[in-house]
């Protein structure tokens, strides 16, 4: 049986950890993969997830308009915010055209500091053009 002192020490420790738990869970969470057809998805193009680094991923939106008519200087995109930080990636006009033609392009993000772990890190993205899929025949 716990003494009153042991109970107070353990209870105080538990209460001290309560504000930390949500921050740790967010830092370790991942962004869901989304289809451009999903309601509420503002990315009409491709929205790939990054590789896992420092226990999390990010997504990035590359609009169809940029793939179909690439800016001559290329374009820079900002990732989703995960763990209170973001990354950016830059795609050249040639890379955007390659994605539009159905090829895959792999890029590495900027190196940014995760404020939870204080570790600078990058993520890689393999970006391909999203295609709509035909649902399987009924009865499957």
C-alpha atoms as a PDB file:
ATOM      1  CA  UNK A   1       0.000   0.000   0.000  1.00  0.00           C
ATOM      2  CA  UNK A   2       1.218   3.498  -0.861  1.00  0.00           C
ATOM      3  CA  UNK A   3       1.934   5.998   1.848  1.00  0.00           C
ATOM      4  CA  UNK A   4       0.418   9.477   1.543  1.00  0.00           C
ATOM      5  CA  UNK A   5       3.860  10.849   0.637  1.00  0.00           C
ATOM      6  CA  UNK A   6       4.382   8.255  -2.152  1.00  0.00           C
ATOM      7  CA  UNK A   7       0.916   8.988  -3.522  1.00  0.00           C
ATOM      8  CA  UNK A   8       1.573  12.737  -3.589  1.00  0.00           C
ATOM      9  CA  UNK A   9       4.975  12.320  -5.266  1.00  0.00           C
ATOM     10  CA  UNK A  10       3.610   9.984  -7.964  1.00  0.00           C
ATOM     11  CA  UNK A  11       0.504  12.105  -8.481  1.00  0.00           C
ATOM     12  CA  UNK A  12       2.586  15.275  -8.846  1.00  0.00           C
ATOM     13  CA  UNK A  13       4.867  13.548 -11.360  1.00  0.00           C
ATOM     14  CA  UNK A  14       1.848  12.400 -13.354  1.00  0.00           C
ATOM     15  CA  UNK A  15       0.355  15.904 -13.367  1.00  0.00           C
ATOM     16  CA  UNK A  16       3.687  17.354 -14.503  1.00  0.00           C
ATOM     17  CA  UNK A  17       3.684  14.998 -17.509  1.00  0.00           C
ATOM     18  CA  UNK A  18       0.137  15.778 -18.660  1.00  0.00           C
ATOM     19  CA  UNK A  19       1.103  18.891 -20.724  1.00  0.00           C
ATOM     20  CA  UNK A  20       4.007  17.001 -22.332  1.00  0.00           C
ATOM     21  CA  UNK A  21       2.022  14.031 -23.660  1.00  0.00           C
ATOM     22  CA  UNK A  22       0.030  15.894 -26.391  1.00  0.00           C
ATOM     23  CA  UNK A  23       3.214  17.539 -27.718  1.00  0.00           C
ATOM     24  CA  UNK A  24       4.990  14.182 -27.899  1.00  0.00           C
ATOM     25  CA  UNK A  25       2.023  12.550 -29.627  1.00  0.00           C
ATOM     26  CA  UNK A  26       1.819  15.360 -32.186  1.00  0.00           C
ATOM     27  CA  UNK A  27       5.551  15.165 -32.874  1.00  0.00           C
ATOM     28  CA  UNK A  28       5.203  11.444 -33.562  1.00  0.00           C
ATOM     29  CA  UNK A  29       2.034  11.661 -35.621  1.00  0.00           C
ATOM     30  CA  UNK A  30       1.877  11.330 -39.367  1.00  0.00           C
ATOM     31  CA  UNK A  31      -0.105  13.247 -41.911  1.00  0.00           C
ATOM     32  CA  UNK A  32      -2.733  11.168 -43.668  1.00  0.00           C
ATOM     33  CA  UNK A  33      -2.474  10.508 -47.377  1.00  0.00           C
ATOM     34  CA  UNK A  34      -5.263  12.274 -49.229  1.00  0.00           C
ATOM     35  CA  UNK A  35      -6.792  11.940 -52.662  1.00  0.00           C
ATOM     36  CA  UNK A  36      -7.679  15.045 -54.689  1.00  0.00           C
ATOM     37  CA  UNK A  37     -11.233  13.678 -54.803  1.00  0.00           C
ATOM     38  CA  UNK A  38     -11.620  13.692 -50.991  1.00  0.00           C
ATOM     39  CA  UNK A  39     -13.992  16.362 -49.703  1.00  0.00           C
ATOM     40  CA  UNK A  40     -12.129  19.227 -48.065  1.00  0.00           C
ATOM     41  CA  UNK A  41      -8.837  18.505 -49.834  1.00  0.00           C
ATOM     42  CA  UNK A  42      -7.585  21.731 -51.325  1.00  0.00           C
ATOM     43  CA  UNK A  43      -4.780  20.009 -53.219  1.00  0.00           C
ATOM     44  CA  UNK A  44      -5.948  19.208 -56.715  1.00  0.00           C
ATOM     45  CA  UNK A  45      -2.795  17.575 -58.035  1.00  0.00           C
ATOM     46  CA  UNK A  46      -0.571  15.338 -55.978  1.00  0.00           C
ATOM     47  CA  UNK A  47      -0.155  15.259 -52.206  1.00  0.00           C
ATOM     48  CA  UNK A  48       2.574  12.722 -51.362  1.00  0.00           C
ATOM     49  CA  UNK A  49       3.890  11.883 -47.917  1.00  0.00           C
ATOM     50  CA  UNK A  50       7.565  12.274 -47.115  1.00  0.00           C
ATOM     51  CA  UNK A  51       9.878   9.655 -45.737  1.00  0.00           C
ATOM     52  CA  UNK A  52       9.802   9.213 -41.959  1.00  0.00           C
ATOM     53  CA  UNK A  53      12.519  11.180 -40.179  1.00  0.00           C
ATOM     54  CA  UNK A  54      12.661  12.067 -36.476  1.00  0.00           C
ATOM     55  CA  UNK A  55       9.524   9.943 -36.029  1.00  0.00           C
ATOM     56  CA  UNK A  56       7.157  11.848 -38.325  1.00  0.00           C
ATOM     57  CA  UNK A  57       6.215  12.610 -41.928  1.00  0.00           C
ATOM     58  CA  UNK A  58       4.911  15.630 -43.812  1.00  0.00           C
ATOM     59  CA  UNK A  59       2.778  15.988 -46.932  1.00  0.00           C
ATOM     60  CA  UNK A  60       3.236  18.540 -49.688  1.00  0.00           C
ATOM     61  CA  UNK A  61       0.796  19.728 -52.342  1.00  0.00           C
ATOM     62  CA  UNK A  62       1.910  20.049 -55.959  1.00  0.00           C
ATOM     63  CA  UNK A  63      -1.030  21.511 -57.919  1.00  0.00           C
ATOM     64  CA  UNK A  64      -1.989  20.067 -61.292  1.00  0.00           C
ATOM     65  CA  UNK A  65      -1.712  23.546 -62.807  1.00  0.00           C
ATOM     66  CA  UNK A  66       2.016  23.641 -61.942  1.00  0.00           C
ATOM     67  CA  UNK A  67       2.557  20.223 -63.501  1.00  0.00           C
ATOM     68  CA  UNK A  68       0.633  21.081 -66.674  1.00  0.00           C
ATOM     69  CA  UNK A  69       2.149  24.561 -67.087  1.00  0.00           C
ATOM     70  CA  UNK A  70       5.371  24.614 -65.075  1.00  0.00           C
ATOM     71  CA  UNK A  71       6.676  28.046 -64.074  1.00  0.00           C
ATOM     72  CA  UNK A  72       9.924  28.637 -66.011  1.00  0.00           C
ATOM     73  CA  UNK A  73      11.801  29.227 -62.743  1.00  0.00           C
ATOM     74  CA  UNK A  74      10.281  26.131 -61.133  1.00  0.00           C
ATOM     75  CA  UNK A  75       8.333  26.347 -57.894  1.00  0.00           C
ATOM     76  CA  UNK A  76       8.845  26.012 -54.149  1.00  0.00           C
ATOM     77  CA  UNK A  77       6.248  24.258 -51.998  1.00  0.00           C
ATOM     78  CA  UNK A  78       5.694  24.273 -48.239  1.00  0.00           C
ATOM     79  CA  UNK A  79       5.000  21.006 -46.449  1.00  0.00           C
ATOM     80  CA  UNK A  80       2.320  20.341 -43.886  1.00  0.00           C
ATOM     81  CA  UNK A  81       3.069  21.439 -40.333  1.00  0.00           C
ATOM     82  CA  UNK A  82       3.939  18.478 -38.131  1.00  0.00           C
ATOM     83  CA  UNK A  83       5.576  18.816 -34.727  1.00  0.00           C
ATOM     84  CA  UNK A  84       5.389  22.627 -35.004  1.00  0.00           C
ATOM     85  CA  UNK A  85       7.671  22.869 -38.019  1.00  0.00           C
ATOM     86  CA  UNK A  86       7.544  22.762 -41.802  1.00  0.00           C
ATOM     87  CA  UNK A  87       9.929  22.082 -44.671  1.00  0.00           C
ATOM     88  CA  UNK A  88      10.096  23.387 -48.220  1.00  0.00           C
ATOM     89  CA  UNK A  89      10.914  21.599 -51.456  1.00  0.00           C
ATOM     90  CA  UNK A  90      11.785  23.078 -54.816  1.00  0.00           C
ATOM     91  CA  UNK A  91      10.901  21.485 -58.150  1.00  0.00           C
ATOM     92  CA  UNK A  92      12.397  22.690 -61.421  1.00  0.00           C
ATOM     93  CA  UNK A  93      10.256  23.216 -64.509  1.00  0.00           C
ATOM     94  CA  UNK A  94      11.792  20.049 -65.978  1.00  0.00           C
ATOM     95  CA  UNK A  95      10.874  18.040 -62.871  1.00  0.00           C
ATOM     96  CA  UNK A  96       7.282  19.345 -62.960  1.00  0.00           C
ATOM     97  CA  UNK A  97       7.006  18.390 -66.643  1.00  0.00           C
ATOM     98  CA  UNK A  98       8.414  14.949 -65.864  1.00  0.00           C
ATOM     99  CA  UNK A  99       5.786  14.421 -63.148  1.00  0.00           C
ATOM    100  CA  UNK A 100       3.047  15.546 -65.570  1.00  0.00           C
ATOM    101  CA  UNK A 101       4.329  12.973 -68.084  1.00  0.00           C
ATOM    102  CA  UNK A 102       3.825  10.197 -65.516  1.00  0.00           C
ATOM    103  CA  UNK A 103       7.383   9.856 -64.208  1.00  0.00           C
ATOM    104  CA  UNK A 104       8.488   9.911 -60.566  1.00  0.00           C
ATOM    105  CA  UNK A 105      10.762  12.612 -59.180  1.00  0.00           C
ATOM    106  CA  UNK A 106      12.543  12.325 -55.830  1.00  0.00           C
ATOM    107  CA  UNK A 107      13.537  15.506 -53.982  1.00  0.00           C
ATOM    108  CA  UNK A 108      14.928  16.363 -50.551  1.00  0.00           C
ATOM    109  CA  UNK A 109      13.471  19.119 -48.410  1.00  0.00           C
ATOM    110  CA  UNK A 110      15.229  21.924 -46.635  1.00  0.00           C
ATOM    111  CA  UNK A 111      16.879  21.010 -43.342  1.00  0.00           C
ATOM    112  CA  UNK A 112      14.747  22.404 -40.532  1.00  0.00           C
ATOM    113  CA  UNK A 113      14.843  22.047 -36.765  1.00  0.00           C
ATOM    114  CA  UNK A 114      12.178  20.006 -35.034  1.00  0.00           C
ATOM    115  CA  UNK A 115      11.389  22.194 -31.993  1.00  0.00           C
ATOM    116  CA  UNK A 116      10.442  19.143 -29.928  1.00  0.00           C
ATOM    117  CA  UNK A 117      13.711  17.250 -30.413  1.00  0.00           C
ATOM    118  CA  UNK A 118      15.930  20.210 -31.373  1.00  0.00           C
ATOM    119  CA  UNK A 119      17.296  18.123 -34.247  1.00  0.00           C
ATOM    120  CA  UNK A 120      17.782  19.544 -37.748  1.00  0.00           C
ATOM    121  CA  UNK A 121      16.611  17.081 -40.372  1.00  0.00           C
ATOM    122  CA  UNK A 122      15.355  16.696 -43.931  1.00  0.00           C
ATOM    123  CA  UNK A 123      12.720  14.538 -45.596  1.00  0.00           C
ATOM    124  CA  UNK A 124      12.632  12.955 -49.046  1.00  0.00           C
ATOM    125  CA  UNK A 125       9.570  12.929 -51.275  1.00  0.00           C
ATOM    126  CA  UNK A 126       8.960  10.723 -54.293  1.00  0.00           C
ATOM    127  CA  UNK A 127       6.433  12.680 -56.283  1.00  0.00           C
ATOM    128  CA  UNK A 128       4.254  11.105 -58.966  1.00  0.00           C
ATOM    129  CA  UNK A 129       1.169  12.365 -60.705  1.00  0.00           C
ATOM    130  CA  UNK A 130      -1.985  11.227 -58.955  1.00  0.00           C
ATOM    131  CA  UNK A 131      -4.355   9.263 -61.124  1.00  0.00           C
ATOM    132  CA  UNK A 132      -7.969   8.486 -60.483  1.00  0.00           C
ATOM    133  CA  UNK A 133      -8.652   4.817 -60.071  1.00  0.00           C
ATOM    134  CA  UNK A 134     -11.687   2.934 -61.245  1.00  0.00           C
ATOM    135  CA  UNK A 135     -13.509   1.214 -58.394  1.00  0.00           C
ATOM    136  CA  UNK A 136     -13.613  -2.597 -58.560  1.00  0.00           C
ATOM    137  CA  UNK A 137     -16.712  -4.192 -60.081  1.00  0.00           C
ATOM    138  CA  UNK A 138     -19.625  -4.695 -57.701  1.00  0.00           C
ATOM    139  CA  UNK A 139     -19.490  -7.931 -55.772  1.00  0.00           C
ATOM    140  CA  UNK A 140     -15.765  -7.789 -55.102  1.00  0.00           C
END
